[in-house]
């Protein structure tokens, strides 16, 4: 049985089933789906307020699991193909030339290579360096803003991670996935701020979300946009 509750601007959908258990239980699955298990003969109208009381916890758990969605942004470097860069789609044009280089040409990436078989390697190397430079440019103003009231990371590193966009180590190092370069600037800002807030609150609890909302009131919309790039 499918049910839903309203919590602020959010609708939480959940499946409801009945069992021989004596108390009501709520499970948030790794795919972010929600299951409510209630004792037999429990009135649905009594169940909904209980679920609503747990709404913040449910949203926190969903956010936690969504942070572990695979980051699948593979691409092919061939003329006529396209790639996302800072949220925009760019065409690719690969051409044989005297030296390996990559540059913008309107809404296109020009990839010049000595050998076309090396096109992906040449582009990957260029994009990784470009990602570090551009993402840091986006991150620095947020770090300065955060520093006015809170602790800031001891250092920032870039590392490709198959299951997350960013991470905060126990030694307060900020780790960002260079694949963020494919997503819009506002999504990169969200990931940076999310991880900065983890410097203060390590877990996805109420204090963490309160701080994130204070520092970035529209974080939910940014996250929804980011999820479209998975």
N, C-alpha and C. Protein backbone atom coordinates (compact mmCIF):
# COMPACT_ATOMS: atom_id res chain seq x y z
N UNK A 1 0.85 -1.18 0.00
CA UNK A 1 0.00 0.00 0.00
C UNK A 1 0.89 1.24 0.00
N UNK A 2 0.67 2.13 -0.96
CA UNK A 2 1.48 3.35 -1.08
C UNK A 2 0.81 4.51 -0.36
N UNK A 3 1.60 5.22 0.43
CA UNK A 3 1.11 6.37 1.18
C UNK A 3 2.10 7.52 1.04
N UNK A 4 1.71 8.69 1.50
CA UNK A 4 2.63 9.83 1.49
C UNK A 4 2.28 10.80 2.61
N UNK A 5 3.30 11.57 3.03
CA UNK A 5 3.07 12.65 3.98
C UNK A 5 3.73 13.91 3.44
N UNK A 6 3.28 15.04 3.90
CA UNK A 6 3.89 16.31 3.54
C UNK A 6 4.72 16.81 4.71
N UNK A 7 5.98 17.20 4.42
CA UNK A 7 6.86 17.74 5.46
C UNK A 7 7.52 18.98 4.89
N UNK A 8 6.98 20.14 5.27
CA UNK A 8 7.47 21.38 4.67
C UNK A 8 7.19 21.38 3.19
N UNK A 9 8.21 21.61 2.38
CA UNK A 9 8.05 21.60 0.92
C UNK A 9 8.25 20.21 0.33
N UNK A 10 8.54 19.23 1.19
CA UNK A 10 8.86 17.88 0.72
C UNK A 10 7.68 16.94 0.88
N UNK A 11 7.52 16.06 -0.10
CA UNK A 11 6.58 14.95 0.02
C UNK A 11 7.39 13.68 0.22
N UNK A 12 7.05 12.93 1.22
CA UNK A 12 7.73 11.67 1.48
C UNK A 12 6.78 10.53 1.13
N UNK A 13 7.14 9.77 0.12
CA UNK A 13 6.33 8.63 -0.29
C UNK A 13 6.86 7.39 0.41
N UNK A 14 5.98 6.52 0.82
CA UNK A 14 6.42 5.29 1.47
C UNK A 14 5.43 4.15 1.22
N UNK A 15 5.96 2.97 1.27
CA UNK A 15 5.11 1.78 1.16
C UNK A 15 4.75 1.33 2.57
N UNK A 16 3.49 0.96 2.74
CA UNK A 16 3.00 0.54 4.05
C UNK A 16 2.56 -0.92 3.99
N UNK A 17 3.09 -1.69 4.91
CA UNK A 17 2.63 -3.08 5.02
C UNK A 17 2.42 -3.43 6.49
N UNK A 18 1.61 -4.44 6.69
CA UNK A 18 1.26 -4.84 8.04
C UNK A 18 1.87 -6.20 8.36
N UNK A 19 2.22 -6.40 9.63
CA UNK A 19 2.82 -7.66 10.04
C UNK A 19 2.40 -7.98 11.47
N UNK A 20 2.95 -9.06 12.00
CA UNK A 20 2.61 -9.47 13.36
C UNK A 20 3.40 -8.73 14.44
N UNK A 21 4.24 -7.80 14.03
CA UNK A 21 5.04 -7.06 15.00
C UNK A 21 4.14 -6.22 15.90
N UNK A 22 4.67 -5.85 17.07
CA UNK A 22 3.87 -5.13 18.06
C UNK A 22 4.03 -3.62 17.96
N UNK A 23 5.11 -3.17 17.34
CA UNK A 23 5.34 -1.73 17.22
C UNK A 23 5.58 -1.35 15.75
N UNK A 24 5.43 -0.07 15.47
CA UNK A 24 5.62 0.41 14.11
C UNK A 24 7.11 0.62 13.82
N UNK A 25 7.55 0.20 12.64
CA UNK A 25 8.95 0.37 12.24
C UNK A 25 9.07 1.09 10.91
N UNK A 26 10.13 1.85 10.76
CA UNK A 26 10.39 2.59 9.51
C UNK A 26 11.77 2.23 9.01
N UNK A 27 11.85 1.87 7.73
CA UNK A 27 13.13 1.53 7.12
C UNK A 27 13.36 2.42 5.90
N UNK A 28 14.58 2.96 5.78
CA UNK A 28 14.98 3.68 4.57
C UNK A 28 16.01 2.80 3.86
N UNK A 29 15.68 2.37 2.65
CA UNK A 29 16.53 1.45 1.90
C UNK A 29 17.66 2.21 1.19
N UNK A 30 18.72 1.50 0.79
CA UNK A 30 19.84 2.15 0.08
C UNK A 30 19.43 2.88 -1.20
N UNK A 31 18.29 2.46 -1.81
CA UNK A 31 17.82 3.18 -3.01
C UNK A 31 16.96 4.39 -2.64
N UNK A 32 16.92 4.73 -1.33
CA UNK A 32 16.20 5.88 -0.78
C UNK A 32 14.70 5.67 -0.68
N UNK A 33 14.22 4.47 -0.99
CA UNK A 33 12.80 4.18 -0.80
C UNK A 33 12.51 3.98 0.69
N UNK A 34 11.27 4.23 1.08
CA UNK A 34 10.89 4.16 2.49
C UNK A 34 9.81 3.11 2.68
N UNK A 35 9.99 2.28 3.68
CA UNK A 35 9.02 1.24 4.01
C UNK A 35 8.60 1.39 5.46
N UNK A 36 7.29 1.38 5.68
CA UNK A 36 6.74 1.44 7.03
C UNK A 36 6.03 0.12 7.31
N UNK A 37 6.38 -0.50 8.42
CA UNK A 37 5.78 -1.78 8.81
C UNK A 37 5.00 -1.55 10.10
N UNK A 38 3.72 -1.84 10.07
CA UNK A 38 2.85 -1.57 11.22
C UNK A 38 2.16 -2.85 11.68
N UNK A 39 1.77 -2.90 12.94
CA UNK A 39 1.02 -4.06 13.43
C UNK A 39 -0.31 -4.19 12.70
N UNK A 40 -0.79 -5.40 12.57
CA UNK A 40 -2.09 -5.65 11.94
C UNK A 40 -3.18 -4.82 12.62
N UNK A 41 -4.14 -4.36 11.81
CA UNK A 41 -5.32 -3.63 12.30
C UNK A 41 -5.02 -2.23 12.81
N UNK A 42 -3.81 -1.72 12.51
CA UNK A 42 -3.50 -0.34 12.89
C UNK A 42 -4.19 0.62 11.92
N UNK A 43 -4.87 1.62 12.44
CA UNK A 43 -5.56 2.61 11.62
C UNK A 43 -4.52 3.47 10.88
N UNK A 44 -4.68 3.61 9.57
CA UNK A 44 -3.75 4.41 8.77
C UNK A 44 -3.66 5.84 9.30
N UNK A 45 -4.77 6.38 9.75
CA UNK A 45 -4.78 7.75 10.26
C UNK A 45 -3.93 7.91 11.51
N UNK A 46 -3.64 6.82 12.19
CA UNK A 46 -2.76 6.86 13.35
C UNK A 46 -1.29 6.70 12.94
N UNK A 47 -1.10 6.07 11.78
CA UNK A 47 0.26 5.83 11.29
C UNK A 47 0.89 7.10 10.74
N UNK A 48 0.10 7.87 9.99
CA UNK A 48 0.64 9.06 9.31
C UNK A 48 1.31 10.06 10.27
N UNK A 49 0.70 10.40 11.42
CA UNK A 49 1.39 11.34 12.33
C UNK A 49 2.71 10.79 12.88
N UNK A 50 2.77 9.48 13.07
CA UNK A 50 4.02 8.88 13.56
C UNK A 50 5.12 9.01 12.51
N UNK A 51 4.77 8.76 11.25
CA UNK A 51 5.74 8.88 10.17
C UNK A 51 6.17 10.34 10.02
N UNK A 52 5.21 11.24 10.17
CA UNK A 52 5.54 12.67 10.05
C UNK A 52 6.53 13.11 11.12
N UNK A 53 6.42 12.56 12.31
CA UNK A 53 7.37 12.88 13.38
C UNK A 53 8.79 12.42 13.05
N UNK A 54 8.88 11.40 12.21
CA UNK A 54 10.19 10.87 11.82
C UNK A 54 10.66 11.41 10.47
N UNK A 55 9.95 12.42 9.96
CA UNK A 55 10.22 12.92 8.61
C UNK A 55 11.65 13.42 8.44
N UNK A 56 12.14 14.19 9.41
CA UNK A 56 13.50 14.73 9.28
C UNK A 56 14.52 13.60 9.25
N UNK A 57 14.34 12.62 10.10
CA UNK A 57 15.24 11.46 10.11
C UNK A 57 15.20 10.73 8.77
N UNK A 58 14.01 10.58 8.21
CA UNK A 58 13.86 9.91 6.91
C UNK A 58 14.63 10.67 5.83
N UNK A 59 14.47 11.99 5.79
CA UNK A 59 15.15 12.80 4.79
C UNK A 59 16.66 12.74 4.97
N UNK A 60 17.11 12.72 6.22
CA UNK A 60 18.54 12.61 6.48
C UNK A 60 19.10 11.29 5.97
N UNK A 61 18.36 10.21 6.20
CA UNK A 61 18.80 8.90 5.74
C UNK A 61 18.81 8.83 4.22
N UNK A 62 17.80 9.41 3.59
CA UNK A 62 17.77 9.43 2.12
C UNK A 62 18.95 10.19 1.56
N UNK A 63 19.26 11.33 2.16
CA UNK A 63 20.41 12.12 1.71
C UNK A 63 21.70 11.34 1.89
N UNK A 64 21.81 10.63 3.00
CA UNK A 64 23.00 9.83 3.26
C UNK A 64 23.20 8.79 2.16
N UNK A 65 22.13 8.05 1.83
CA UNK A 65 22.26 7.01 0.82
C UNK A 65 22.50 7.59 -0.57
N UNK A 66 21.86 8.73 -0.86
CA UNK A 66 22.05 9.34 -2.18
C UNK A 66 23.48 9.83 -2.37
N UNK A 67 24.17 10.13 -1.28
CA UNK A 67 25.57 10.53 -1.38
C UNK A 67 26.45 9.41 -1.93
N UNK A 68 25.94 8.18 -1.91
CA UNK A 68 26.72 7.04 -2.33
C UNK A 68 26.27 6.53 -3.70
N UNK A 69 25.51 7.34 -4.42
CA UNK A 69 25.15 6.96 -5.79
C UNK A 69 26.41 6.89 -6.64
N UNK A 70 26.51 5.91 -7.54
CA UNK A 70 27.69 5.83 -8.41
C UNK A 70 27.84 7.08 -9.26
N UNK A 71 29.07 7.54 -9.42
CA UNK A 71 29.33 8.68 -10.28
C UNK A 71 29.72 8.14 -11.65
N UNK A 72 28.76 8.13 -12.55
CA UNK A 72 28.96 7.53 -13.87
C UNK A 72 28.99 8.62 -14.93
N UNK A 73 30.16 9.10 -15.22
CA UNK A 73 30.28 10.16 -16.21
C UNK A 73 31.36 9.80 -17.23
N UNK A 74 31.22 8.62 -17.80
CA UNK A 74 32.16 8.19 -18.84
C UNK A 74 31.83 8.91 -20.15
N UNK A 75 32.81 9.07 -20.98
CA UNK A 75 32.59 9.74 -22.26
C UNK A 75 33.55 9.19 -23.30
N UNK A 76 33.22 9.42 -24.55
CA UNK A 76 34.04 8.98 -25.67
C UNK A 76 34.58 10.21 -26.38
N UNK A 77 35.87 10.24 -26.64
CA UNK A 77 36.48 11.39 -27.30
C UNK A 77 36.62 11.09 -28.79
N UNK A 78 35.59 11.47 -29.53
CA UNK A 78 35.58 11.34 -30.99
C UNK A 78 34.84 12.52 -31.58
N UNK A 79 35.19 12.91 -32.77
CA UNK A 79 34.49 14.02 -33.42
C UNK A 79 33.01 13.68 -33.53
N UNK A 80 32.17 14.68 -33.21
CA UNK A 80 30.73 14.48 -33.29
C UNK A 80 30.11 14.10 -31.96
N UNK A 81 30.92 13.58 -31.05
CA UNK A 81 30.41 13.25 -29.72
C UNK A 81 30.38 14.53 -28.89
N UNK A 82 29.73 14.44 -27.73
CA UNK A 82 29.66 15.63 -26.86
C UNK A 82 29.99 15.27 -25.42
N UNK A 83 30.24 16.30 -24.63
CA UNK A 83 30.62 16.11 -23.22
C UNK A 83 30.06 17.27 -22.41
N UNK A 84 29.69 16.98 -21.16
CA UNK A 84 29.23 18.04 -20.27
C UNK A 84 30.43 18.68 -19.57
N UNK A 85 30.40 20.00 -19.55
CA UNK A 85 31.45 20.76 -18.87
C UNK A 85 30.77 21.92 -18.16
N UNK A 86 30.87 21.93 -16.81
CA UNK A 86 30.18 22.91 -15.98
C UNK A 86 28.69 22.99 -16.32
N UNK A 87 28.12 21.83 -16.59
CA UNK A 87 26.68 21.74 -16.81
C UNK A 87 26.23 21.98 -18.24
N UNK A 88 27.12 22.49 -19.07
CA UNK A 88 26.77 22.74 -20.47
C UNK A 88 27.31 21.63 -21.35
N UNK A 89 26.64 21.43 -22.48
CA UNK A 89 27.06 20.37 -23.39
C UNK A 89 27.92 20.97 -24.51
N UNK A 90 29.10 20.37 -24.70
CA UNK A 90 30.03 20.83 -25.72
C UNK A 90 30.29 19.71 -26.72
N UNK A 91 30.32 20.07 -27.98
CA UNK A 91 30.68 19.12 -29.03
C UNK A 91 32.20 18.92 -29.02
N UNK A 92 32.62 17.79 -29.50
CA UNK A 92 34.04 17.48 -29.59
C UNK A 92 34.47 17.42 -31.06
N UNK A 93 35.64 17.95 -31.31
CA UNK A 93 36.22 17.82 -32.66
C UNK A 93 37.68 17.40 -32.50
N UNK A 94 37.98 16.22 -32.97
CA UNK A 94 39.34 15.68 -32.87
C UNK A 94 40.03 15.82 -34.21
N UNK A 95 41.24 16.36 -34.18
CA UNK A 95 41.97 16.61 -35.43
C UNK A 95 43.45 16.28 -35.25
N UNK A 96 44.03 15.71 -36.27
CA UNK A 96 45.45 15.40 -36.23
C UNK A 96 46.24 16.69 -36.43
N UNK A 97 47.27 16.87 -35.57
CA UNK A 97 48.06 18.11 -35.62
C UNK A 97 49.49 17.82 -35.21
N UNK A 98 50.32 18.86 -35.23
CA UNK A 98 51.74 18.69 -34.92
C UNK A 98 51.99 18.55 -33.42
N UNK A 99 51.05 19.03 -32.58
CA UNK A 99 51.22 18.89 -31.13
C UNK A 99 49.89 18.59 -30.47
N UNK A 100 49.97 17.96 -29.29
CA UNK A 100 48.78 17.62 -28.52
C UNK A 100 48.32 18.85 -27.73
N UNK A 101 47.06 19.24 -27.92
CA UNK A 101 46.52 20.37 -27.17
C UNK A 101 45.00 20.34 -27.21
N UNK A 102 44.39 20.99 -26.22
CA UNK A 102 42.93 21.09 -26.14
C UNK A 102 42.59 22.54 -25.88
N UNK A 103 41.57 23.05 -26.59
CA UNK A 103 41.13 24.42 -26.33
C UNK A 103 39.68 24.58 -26.75
N UNK A 104 39.06 25.67 -26.25
CA UNK A 104 37.68 25.99 -26.60
C UNK A 104 37.62 26.55 -28.01
N UNK A 105 36.50 26.28 -28.66
CA UNK A 105 36.25 26.88 -29.96
C UNK A 105 34.74 27.08 -30.05
N UNK A 106 34.28 28.21 -29.47
CA UNK A 106 32.83 28.44 -29.37
C UNK A 106 32.22 27.46 -28.38
N UNK A 107 31.21 26.70 -28.85
CA UNK A 107 30.58 25.70 -27.98
C UNK A 107 31.15 24.32 -28.25
N UNK A 108 32.43 24.28 -28.58
CA UNK A 108 33.08 23.02 -28.96
C UNK A 108 34.46 22.95 -28.32
N UNK A 109 34.88 21.73 -28.02
CA UNK A 109 36.25 21.47 -27.59
C UNK A 109 37.04 20.98 -28.79
N UNK A 110 38.09 21.70 -29.10
CA UNK A 110 39.00 21.29 -30.17
C UNK A 110 40.10 20.45 -29.54
N UNK A 111 40.23 19.20 -29.99
CA UNK A 111 41.24 18.29 -29.45
C UNK A 111 42.23 17.99 -30.57
N UNK A 112 43.40 18.60 -30.49
CA UNK A 112 44.45 18.36 -31.48
C UNK A 112 45.41 17.30 -30.95
N UNK A 113 45.70 16.31 -31.76
CA UNK A 113 46.58 15.22 -31.33
C UNK A 113 47.53 14.79 -32.44
N UNK A 114 48.69 14.35 -32.03
CA UNK A 114 49.64 13.80 -33.01
C UNK A 114 49.12 12.48 -33.55
N UNK A 115 48.53 11.67 -32.66
CA UNK A 115 47.95 10.39 -33.04
C UNK A 115 46.52 10.32 -32.51
N UNK A 116 45.55 10.08 -33.37
CA UNK A 116 44.15 10.09 -32.94
C UNK A 116 43.84 9.02 -31.90
N UNK A 117 44.62 7.94 -31.88
CA UNK A 117 44.39 6.89 -30.89
C UNK A 117 44.66 7.38 -29.47
N UNK A 118 45.39 8.50 -29.37
CA UNK A 118 45.72 9.05 -28.05
C UNK A 118 44.77 10.17 -27.63
N UNK A 119 43.70 10.38 -28.38
CA UNK A 119 42.80 11.52 -28.14
C UNK A 119 42.23 11.51 -26.72
N UNK A 120 41.78 10.36 -26.25
CA UNK A 120 41.17 10.32 -24.91
C UNK A 120 42.20 10.60 -23.83
N UNK A 121 43.39 10.07 -23.97
CA UNK A 121 44.44 10.32 -22.98
C UNK A 121 44.79 11.80 -22.92
N UNK A 122 44.93 12.41 -24.09
CA UNK A 122 45.26 13.84 -24.16
C UNK A 122 44.15 14.66 -23.51
N UNK A 123 42.90 14.35 -23.86
CA UNK A 123 41.78 15.11 -23.31
C UNK A 123 41.64 14.88 -21.81
N UNK A 124 41.78 13.63 -21.37
CA UNK A 124 41.66 13.31 -19.94
C UNK A 124 42.69 14.09 -19.12
N UNK A 125 43.91 14.12 -19.58
CA UNK A 125 44.97 14.83 -18.86
C UNK A 125 44.67 16.32 -18.77
N UNK A 126 44.19 16.88 -19.87
CA UNK A 126 43.83 18.29 -19.88
C UNK A 126 42.67 18.56 -18.93
N UNK A 127 41.64 17.70 -18.99
CA UNK A 127 40.44 17.93 -18.19
C UNK A 127 40.71 17.78 -16.69
N UNK A 128 41.56 16.85 -16.31
CA UNK A 128 41.87 16.66 -14.89
C UNK A 128 42.53 17.90 -14.31
N UNK A 129 43.48 18.48 -15.06
CA UNK A 129 44.13 19.69 -14.58
C UNK A 129 43.17 20.87 -14.58
N UNK A 130 42.37 20.95 -15.63
CA UNK A 130 41.37 22.01 -15.74
C UNK A 130 40.36 21.92 -14.59
N UNK A 131 39.97 20.68 -14.25
CA UNK A 131 39.00 20.46 -13.17
C UNK A 131 39.55 20.97 -11.85
N UNK A 132 40.81 20.65 -11.55
CA UNK A 132 41.41 21.10 -10.29
C UNK A 132 41.43 22.62 -10.21
N UNK A 133 41.85 23.26 -11.28
CA UNK A 133 41.96 24.72 -11.29
C UNK A 133 40.59 25.39 -11.16
N UNK A 134 39.63 24.92 -11.97
CA UNK A 134 38.31 25.58 -12.01
C UNK A 134 37.51 25.31 -10.74
N UNK A 135 37.56 24.07 -10.24
CA UNK A 135 36.81 23.74 -9.03
C UNK A 135 37.37 24.51 -7.83
N UNK A 136 38.69 24.68 -7.78
CA UNK A 136 39.28 25.46 -6.69
C UNK A 136 38.85 26.92 -6.77
N UNK A 137 38.74 27.47 -7.97
CA UNK A 137 38.27 28.84 -8.13
C UNK A 137 36.85 28.99 -7.57
N UNK A 138 36.03 27.96 -7.76
CA UNK A 138 34.65 27.98 -7.26
C UNK A 138 34.63 27.77 -5.75
N UNK A 139 35.52 26.92 -5.25
CA UNK A 139 35.52 26.56 -3.83
C UNK A 139 36.07 27.66 -2.93
N UNK A 140 37.06 28.39 -3.39
CA UNK A 140 37.76 29.35 -2.53
C UNK A 140 36.85 30.41 -1.90
N UNK A 141 35.91 31.03 -2.65
CA UNK A 141 35.02 32.01 -2.00
C UNK A 141 34.14 31.38 -0.92
N UNK A 142 33.73 30.13 -1.12
CA UNK A 142 32.90 29.45 -0.12
C UNK A 142 33.71 29.14 1.13
N UNK A 143 34.96 28.74 0.94
CA UNK A 143 35.83 28.46 2.08
C UNK A 143 36.07 29.74 2.88
N UNK A 144 36.28 30.86 2.19
CA UNK A 144 36.48 32.14 2.88
C UNK A 144 35.23 32.56 3.64
N UNK A 145 34.07 32.32 3.05
CA UNK A 145 32.79 32.63 3.70
C UNK A 145 32.63 31.78 4.95
N UNK A 146 32.94 30.51 4.84
CA UNK A 146 32.80 29.56 5.94
C UNK A 146 33.77 29.90 7.07
N UNK A 147 34.95 30.39 6.70
CA UNK A 147 36.02 30.66 7.65
C UNK A 147 35.66 31.79 8.62
N UNK A 148 34.72 32.63 8.26
CA UNK A 148 34.35 33.75 9.11
C UNK A 148 33.78 33.29 10.46
N UNK A 149 33.16 32.10 10.47
CA UNK A 149 32.53 31.62 11.71
C UNK A 149 32.94 30.21 12.10
N UNK A 150 33.55 29.49 11.17
CA UNK A 150 33.81 28.08 11.43
C UNK A 150 35.22 27.67 10.99
N UNK A 151 35.57 26.48 11.41
CA UNK A 151 36.85 25.90 11.01
C UNK A 151 36.83 25.57 9.52
N UNK A 152 37.96 25.72 8.87
CA UNK A 152 38.06 25.41 7.44
C UNK A 152 39.02 24.23 7.25
N UNK A 153 38.98 23.59 6.09
CA UNK A 153 39.82 22.40 5.89
C UNK A 153 41.31 22.71 5.95
N UNK A 154 42.06 21.76 6.47
CA UNK A 154 43.51 21.93 6.53
C UNK A 154 44.12 21.90 5.14
N UNK A 155 43.45 21.22 4.21
CA UNK A 155 43.92 21.16 2.82
C UNK A 155 42.80 20.62 1.94
N UNK A 156 42.94 20.82 0.64
CA UNK A 156 41.96 20.35 -0.34
C UNK A 156 42.66 19.43 -1.34
N UNK A 157 42.11 18.26 -1.53
CA UNK A 157 42.67 17.29 -2.46
C UNK A 157 41.64 16.91 -3.51
N UNK A 158 42.15 16.41 -4.63
CA UNK A 158 41.27 15.91 -5.69
C UNK A 158 41.54 14.43 -5.90
N UNK A 159 40.47 13.68 -5.92
CA UNK A 159 40.61 12.23 -6.09
C UNK A 159 39.34 11.67 -6.73
N UNK A 160 39.51 10.89 -7.78
CA UNK A 160 38.35 10.26 -8.40
C UNK A 160 37.80 9.20 -7.46
N UNK A 161 36.50 9.30 -7.17
CA UNK A 161 35.84 8.36 -6.27
C UNK A 161 34.62 7.78 -6.98
N UNK A 162 34.51 6.47 -7.05
CA UNK A 162 33.42 5.86 -7.81
C UNK A 162 32.05 6.02 -7.19
N UNK A 163 31.97 6.37 -5.90
CA UNK A 163 30.66 6.39 -5.25
C UNK A 163 30.30 7.70 -4.57
N UNK A 164 31.10 8.76 -4.75
CA UNK A 164 30.73 10.01 -4.11
C UNK A 164 31.41 11.20 -4.80
N UNK A 165 30.78 12.36 -4.60
CA UNK A 165 31.29 13.60 -5.19
C UNK A 165 32.36 14.25 -4.33
N UNK A 166 32.24 14.06 -3.03
CA UNK A 166 33.20 14.69 -2.13
C UNK A 166 33.29 13.94 -0.83
N UNK A 167 34.28 14.29 -0.02
CA UNK A 167 34.47 13.62 1.26
C UNK A 167 35.24 14.55 2.19
N UNK A 168 35.08 14.31 3.48
CA UNK A 168 35.82 15.05 4.50
C UNK A 168 36.51 14.04 5.39
N UNK A 169 37.82 14.04 5.41
CA UNK A 169 38.57 13.04 6.17
C UNK A 169 38.56 13.35 7.66
N UNK A 170 38.98 12.38 8.46
CA UNK A 170 39.03 12.58 9.92
C UNK A 170 40.04 13.66 10.30
N UNK A 171 40.99 13.94 9.41
CA UNK A 171 41.98 14.98 9.66
C UNK A 171 41.57 16.32 9.03
N UNK A 172 40.26 16.43 8.73
CA UNK A 172 39.68 17.66 8.19
C UNK A 172 40.28 18.07 6.85
N UNK A 173 40.59 17.08 6.04
CA UNK A 173 41.00 17.36 4.66
C UNK A 173 39.77 17.25 3.76
N UNK A 174 39.61 18.22 2.90
CA UNK A 174 38.49 18.22 1.97
C UNK A 174 38.92 17.50 0.70
N UNK A 175 38.17 16.48 0.31
CA UNK A 175 38.49 15.70 -0.88
C UNK A 175 37.36 15.87 -1.88
N UNK A 176 37.67 16.31 -3.08
CA UNK A 176 36.67 16.56 -4.11
C UNK A 176 36.93 15.69 -5.33
N UNK A 177 35.86 15.22 -5.92
CA UNK A 177 35.95 14.39 -7.12
C UNK A 177 36.11 15.31 -8.33
N UNK A 178 37.19 15.17 -9.10
CA UNK A 178 37.37 16.05 -10.27
C UNK A 178 36.26 15.93 -11.31
N UNK A 179 35.48 14.83 -11.25
CA UNK A 179 34.37 14.68 -12.18
C UNK A 179 33.27 15.71 -11.94
N UNK A 180 33.37 16.44 -10.84
CA UNK A 180 32.44 17.54 -10.60
C UNK A 180 32.49 18.57 -11.72
N UNK A 181 33.58 18.61 -12.47
CA UNK A 181 33.73 19.59 -13.54
C UNK A 181 32.64 19.44 -14.60
N UNK A 182 32.00 18.28 -14.65
CA UNK A 182 30.92 18.06 -15.62
C UNK A 182 29.62 18.73 -15.18
N UNK A 183 29.49 19.05 -13.90
CA UNK A 183 28.23 19.55 -13.36
C UNK A 183 28.22 21.07 -13.28
N UNK A 184 27.03 21.68 -13.15
CA UNK A 184 26.96 23.15 -13.07
C UNK A 184 27.68 23.71 -11.85
N UNK A 185 28.06 24.97 -11.96
CA UNK A 185 28.79 25.64 -10.88
C UNK A 185 28.02 25.56 -9.57
N UNK A 186 26.71 25.76 -9.60
CA UNK A 186 25.92 25.76 -8.37
C UNK A 186 25.91 24.38 -7.70
N UNK A 187 26.08 23.32 -8.49
CA UNK A 187 26.17 21.97 -7.93
C UNK A 187 27.52 21.76 -7.25
N UNK A 188 28.56 22.28 -7.88
CA UNK A 188 29.90 22.20 -7.27
C UNK A 188 29.90 22.95 -5.95
N UNK A 189 29.27 24.11 -5.93
CA UNK A 189 29.18 24.90 -4.70
C UNK A 189 28.47 24.11 -3.61
N UNK A 190 27.42 23.38 -3.99
CA UNK A 190 26.68 22.57 -3.01
C UNK A 190 27.58 21.50 -2.40
N UNK A 191 28.32 20.79 -3.23
CA UNK A 191 29.19 19.71 -2.72
C UNK A 191 30.25 20.28 -1.79
N UNK A 192 30.83 21.40 -2.17
CA UNK A 192 31.85 22.03 -1.33
C UNK A 192 31.26 22.42 0.02
N UNK A 193 30.10 23.07 0.00
CA UNK A 193 29.48 23.50 1.26
C UNK A 193 29.05 22.31 2.11
N UNK A 194 28.54 21.27 1.46
CA UNK A 194 28.15 20.05 2.17
C UNK A 194 29.34 19.49 2.95
N UNK A 195 30.47 19.40 2.29
CA UNK A 195 31.66 18.84 2.94
C UNK A 195 32.24 19.80 3.99
N UNK A 196 32.14 21.09 3.75
CA UNK A 196 32.59 22.05 4.76
C UNK A 196 31.78 21.90 6.05
N UNK A 197 30.48 21.68 5.91
CA UNK A 197 29.63 21.51 7.08
C UNK A 197 29.99 20.24 7.85
N UNK A 198 30.56 19.26 7.14
CA UNK A 198 31.00 18.04 7.82
C UNK A 198 32.24 18.28 8.69
N UNK A 199 32.91 19.39 8.48
CA UNK A 199 34.02 19.73 9.38
C UNK A 199 33.51 20.01 10.79
N UNK A 200 32.27 20.49 10.86
CA UNK A 200 31.66 20.85 12.14
C UNK A 200 30.82 19.70 12.69
N UNK A 201 30.04 19.08 11.81
CA UNK A 201 29.16 17.97 12.21
C UNK A 201 29.44 16.79 11.28
N UNK A 202 30.02 15.74 11.83
CA UNK A 202 30.46 14.61 11.01
C UNK A 202 29.32 13.78 10.44
N UNK A 203 28.18 13.79 11.12
CA UNK A 203 27.07 12.92 10.69
C UNK A 203 25.92 13.74 10.13
N UNK A 204 25.05 13.05 9.38
CA UNK A 204 23.88 13.71 8.81
C UNK A 204 22.78 13.80 9.87
N UNK A 205 23.01 14.62 10.86
CA UNK A 205 22.01 14.79 11.91
C UNK A 205 21.34 16.16 11.77
N UNK A 206 20.48 16.48 12.72
CA UNK A 206 19.72 17.73 12.64
C UNK A 206 20.65 18.95 12.64
N UNK A 207 21.70 18.90 13.47
CA UNK A 207 22.63 20.04 13.54
C UNK A 207 23.33 20.25 12.21
N UNK A 208 23.69 19.14 11.54
CA UNK A 208 24.34 19.25 10.23
C UNK A 208 23.43 19.94 9.23
N UNK A 209 22.18 19.48 9.13
CA UNK A 209 21.27 20.06 8.15
C UNK A 209 20.89 21.49 8.49
N UNK A 210 20.83 21.80 9.77
CA UNK A 210 20.56 23.19 10.16
C UNK A 210 21.69 24.10 9.70
N UNK A 211 22.93 23.65 9.88
CA UNK A 211 24.08 24.44 9.45
C UNK A 211 24.12 24.57 7.93
N UNK A 212 23.88 23.47 7.23
CA UNK A 212 23.88 23.50 5.76
C UNK A 212 22.82 24.45 5.24
N UNK A 213 21.64 24.41 5.85
CA UNK A 213 20.55 25.31 5.43
C UNK A 213 20.88 26.76 5.72
N UNK A 214 21.55 27.00 6.84
CA UNK A 214 21.96 28.36 7.19
C UNK A 214 22.98 28.90 6.18
N UNK A 215 23.94 28.06 5.80
CA UNK A 215 25.00 28.49 4.90
C UNK A 215 24.56 28.50 3.43
N UNK A 216 23.59 27.64 3.10
CA UNK A 216 23.14 27.53 1.71
C UNK A 216 21.65 27.16 1.71
N UNK A 217 20.78 28.16 1.85
CA UNK A 217 19.34 27.89 2.00
C UNK A 217 18.72 27.08 0.86
N UNK A 218 19.26 27.17 -0.34
CA UNK A 218 18.66 26.44 -1.48
C UNK A 218 19.40 25.15 -1.80
N UNK A 219 20.06 24.55 -0.81
CA UNK A 219 20.87 23.36 -1.07
C UNK A 219 20.07 22.20 -1.66
N UNK A 220 18.80 22.07 -1.29
CA UNK A 220 18.00 20.96 -1.79
C UNK A 220 17.81 21.04 -3.31
N UNK A 221 17.57 22.25 -3.81
CA UNK A 221 17.41 22.42 -5.26
C UNK A 221 18.72 22.14 -5.99
N UNK A 222 19.81 22.55 -5.39
CA UNK A 222 21.13 22.29 -5.99
C UNK A 222 21.41 20.79 -6.02
N UNK A 223 21.05 20.09 -4.95
CA UNK A 223 21.28 18.66 -4.89
C UNK A 223 20.42 17.92 -5.92
N UNK A 224 19.17 18.36 -6.08
CA UNK A 224 18.29 17.74 -7.07
C UNK A 224 18.90 17.86 -8.47
N UNK A 225 19.47 19.03 -8.76
CA UNK A 225 20.12 19.23 -10.04
C UNK A 225 21.33 18.33 -10.18
N UNK A 226 22.13 18.23 -9.13
CA UNK A 226 23.32 17.38 -9.15
C UNK A 226 22.95 15.93 -9.41
N UNK A 227 21.85 15.48 -8.84
CA UNK A 227 21.44 14.08 -9.00
C UNK A 227 21.13 13.73 -10.46
N UNK A 228 20.80 14.74 -11.28
CA UNK A 228 20.50 14.47 -12.68
C UNK A 228 21.75 14.12 -13.46
N UNK A 229 22.94 14.36 -12.88
CA UNK A 229 24.19 14.05 -13.57
C UNK A 229 24.73 12.69 -13.19
N UNK A 230 23.96 11.91 -12.42
CA UNK A 230 24.40 10.57 -12.04
C UNK A 230 23.99 9.56 -13.08
